[in-house]
Amino acid sequence: MNVGVRSKTTSNYLPTGRMTLLLNNALVMFKCLLTMVKIIDGLSLYLADLA
């Protein structure tokens, strides 16, 4: 199984590499968005506690 997957990835190296790059960028953006949401939620809770 692993050998077949490796041969497929090596034969289609460029398109799969581009797809993985796009997926990695999308994951990084998603993580940044999640952290931003967490920070905003934390600030809103903090302000609510102050008020």
N, C-alpha and C. Protein backbone atom coordinates (compact mmCIF):
# COMPACT_ATOMS: atom_id res chain seq x y z
N MET A 1 0.84 -1.21 0.00
CA MET A 1 0.00 0.00 0.00
C MET A 1 0.87 1.26 0.00
N ASN A 2 1.85 1.29 0.90
CA ASN A 2 2.70 2.49 1.00
C ASN A 2 3.49 2.72 -0.28
N VAL A 3 3.98 1.63 -0.89
CA VAL A 3 4.77 1.77 -2.12
C VAL A 3 3.90 2.37 -3.23
N GLY A 4 2.65 1.90 -3.35
CA GLY A 4 1.76 2.43 -4.38
C GLY A 4 1.49 3.91 -4.17
N VAL A 5 1.25 4.30 -2.92
CA VAL A 5 0.98 5.70 -2.62
C VAL A 5 2.20 6.54 -2.95
N ARG A 6 3.38 6.01 -2.61
CA ARG A 6 4.61 6.78 -2.88
C ARG A 6 4.82 6.96 -4.37
N SER A 7 4.60 5.88 -5.14
CA SER A 7 4.81 5.99 -6.58
C SER A 7 3.82 6.99 -7.19
N LYS A 8 2.59 7.00 -6.69
CA LYS A 8 1.60 7.95 -7.21
C LYS A 8 2.02 9.39 -6.88
N THR A 9 2.46 9.62 -5.65
CA THR A 9 2.84 10.98 -5.26
C THR A 9 4.08 11.43 -6.04
N THR A 10 5.04 10.53 -6.28
CA THR A 10 6.24 10.94 -7.01
C THR A 10 5.91 11.20 -8.47
N SER A 11 5.00 10.41 -9.08
CA SER A 11 4.65 10.61 -10.49
C SER A 11 3.87 11.91 -10.67
N ASN A 12 2.98 12.24 -9.71
CA ASN A 12 2.21 13.49 -9.78
C ASN A 12 2.74 14.48 -8.74
N TYR A 13 4.05 14.73 -8.78
CA TYR A 13 4.66 15.50 -7.70
C TYR A 13 4.21 16.95 -7.70
N LEU A 14 4.25 17.62 -8.86
CA LEU A 14 3.94 19.06 -8.90
C LEU A 14 2.50 19.37 -8.49
N PRO A 15 1.48 18.74 -9.09
CA PRO A 15 0.10 19.09 -8.69
C PRO A 15 -0.17 18.77 -7.22
N THR A 16 0.29 17.61 -6.73
CA THR A 16 0.06 17.27 -5.33
C THR A 16 0.80 18.25 -4.43
N GLY A 17 2.01 18.67 -4.84
CA GLY A 17 2.74 19.65 -4.05
C GLY A 17 1.99 20.96 -3.97
N ARG A 18 1.42 21.40 -5.11
CA ARG A 18 0.64 22.64 -5.09
C ARG A 18 -0.58 22.49 -4.20
N MET A 19 -1.26 21.34 -4.28
CA MET A 19 -2.44 21.13 -3.45
C MET A 19 -2.08 21.14 -1.97
N THR A 20 -0.95 20.49 -1.61
CA THR A 20 -0.56 20.47 -0.20
C THR A 20 -0.20 21.88 0.25
N LEU A 21 0.45 22.67 -0.62
CA LEU A 21 0.76 24.05 -0.26
C LEU A 21 -0.52 24.83 -0.01
N LEU A 22 -1.50 24.67 -0.90
CA LEU A 22 -2.78 25.37 -0.72
C LEU A 22 -3.46 24.93 0.56
N LEU A 23 -3.43 23.62 0.84
CA LEU A 23 -4.07 23.11 2.06
C LEU A 23 -3.35 23.64 3.29
N ASN A 24 -2.01 23.68 3.24
CA ASN A 24 -1.26 24.20 4.40
C ASN A 24 -1.59 25.67 4.62
N ASN A 25 -1.65 26.45 3.54
CA ASN A 25 -2.00 27.87 3.68
C ASN A 25 -3.40 28.02 4.26
N ALA A 26 -4.34 27.19 3.79
CA ALA A 26 -5.71 27.25 4.29
C ALA A 26 -5.74 26.89 5.78
N LEU A 27 -4.96 25.89 6.18
CA LEU A 27 -4.93 25.50 7.60
C LEU A 27 -4.34 26.62 8.44
N VAL A 28 -3.29 27.27 7.95
CA VAL A 28 -2.69 28.37 8.71
C VAL A 28 -3.68 29.52 8.86
N MET A 29 -4.38 29.85 7.77
CA MET A 29 -5.37 30.92 7.84
C MET A 29 -6.49 30.55 8.81
N PHE A 30 -6.92 29.28 8.79
CA PHE A 30 -7.99 28.84 9.68
C PHE A 30 -7.54 28.94 11.13
N LYS A 31 -6.28 28.53 11.41
CA LYS A 31 -5.77 28.63 12.77
C LYS A 31 -5.69 30.08 13.22
N CYS A 32 -5.25 30.97 12.33
CA CYS A 32 -5.19 32.39 12.67
C CYS A 32 -6.59 32.92 12.99
N LEU A 33 -7.57 32.52 12.18
CA LEU A 33 -8.95 32.96 12.42
C LEU A 33 -9.44 32.44 13.77
N LEU A 34 -9.14 31.19 14.09
CA LEU A 34 -9.58 30.62 15.36
C LEU A 34 -8.95 31.37 16.53
N THR A 35 -7.65 31.68 16.42
CA THR A 35 -6.99 32.41 17.50
C THR A 35 -7.58 33.81 17.65
N MET A 36 -7.89 34.46 16.52
CA MET A 36 -8.51 35.78 16.58
C MET A 36 -9.86 35.70 17.29
N VAL A 37 -10.66 34.70 16.95
CA VAL A 37 -11.97 34.53 17.59
C VAL A 37 -11.80 34.30 19.09
N LYS A 38 -10.80 33.47 19.46
CA LYS A 38 -10.57 33.20 20.88
C LYS A 38 -10.17 34.49 21.60
N ILE A 39 -9.29 35.29 20.98
CA ILE A 39 -8.85 36.54 21.60
C ILE A 39 -10.04 37.48 21.77
N ILE A 40 -10.88 37.59 20.73
CA ILE A 40 -12.04 38.49 20.81
C ILE A 40 -12.99 38.01 21.89
N ASP A 41 -13.22 36.70 21.96
CA ASP A 41 -14.10 36.16 23.01
C ASP A 41 -13.51 36.45 24.39
N GLY A 42 -12.21 36.26 24.53
CA GLY A 42 -11.57 36.53 25.82
C GLY A 42 -11.69 37.99 26.20
N LEU A 43 -11.50 38.90 25.24
CA LEU A 43 -11.62 40.33 25.53
C LEU A 43 -13.05 40.69 25.92
N SER A 44 -14.01 40.12 25.20
CA SER A 44 -15.41 40.43 25.52
C SER A 44 -15.76 39.93 26.92
N LEU A 45 -15.29 38.74 27.28
CA LEU A 45 -15.54 38.23 28.63
C LEU A 45 -14.85 39.11 29.67
N TYR A 46 -13.60 39.53 29.37
CA TYR A 46 -12.87 40.39 30.30
C TYR A 46 -13.59 41.72 30.50
N LEU A 47 -14.07 42.33 29.42
CA LEU A 47 -14.80 43.60 29.53
C LEU A 47 -16.11 43.40 30.28
N ALA A 48 -16.77 42.27 30.04
CA ALA A 48 -18.02 41.99 30.75
C ALA A 48 -17.75 41.85 32.25
N ASP A 49 -16.62 41.25 32.61
CA ASP A 49 -16.28 41.13 34.03
C ASP A 49 -15.98 42.51 34.63
N LEU A 50 -15.34 43.38 33.84
CA LEU A 50 -15.03 44.72 34.35
C LEU A 50 -16.31 45.52 34.54
N ALA A 51 -17.27 45.37 33.64
CA ALA A 51 -18.49 46.17 33.71
C ALA A 51 -19.45 45.67 34.77
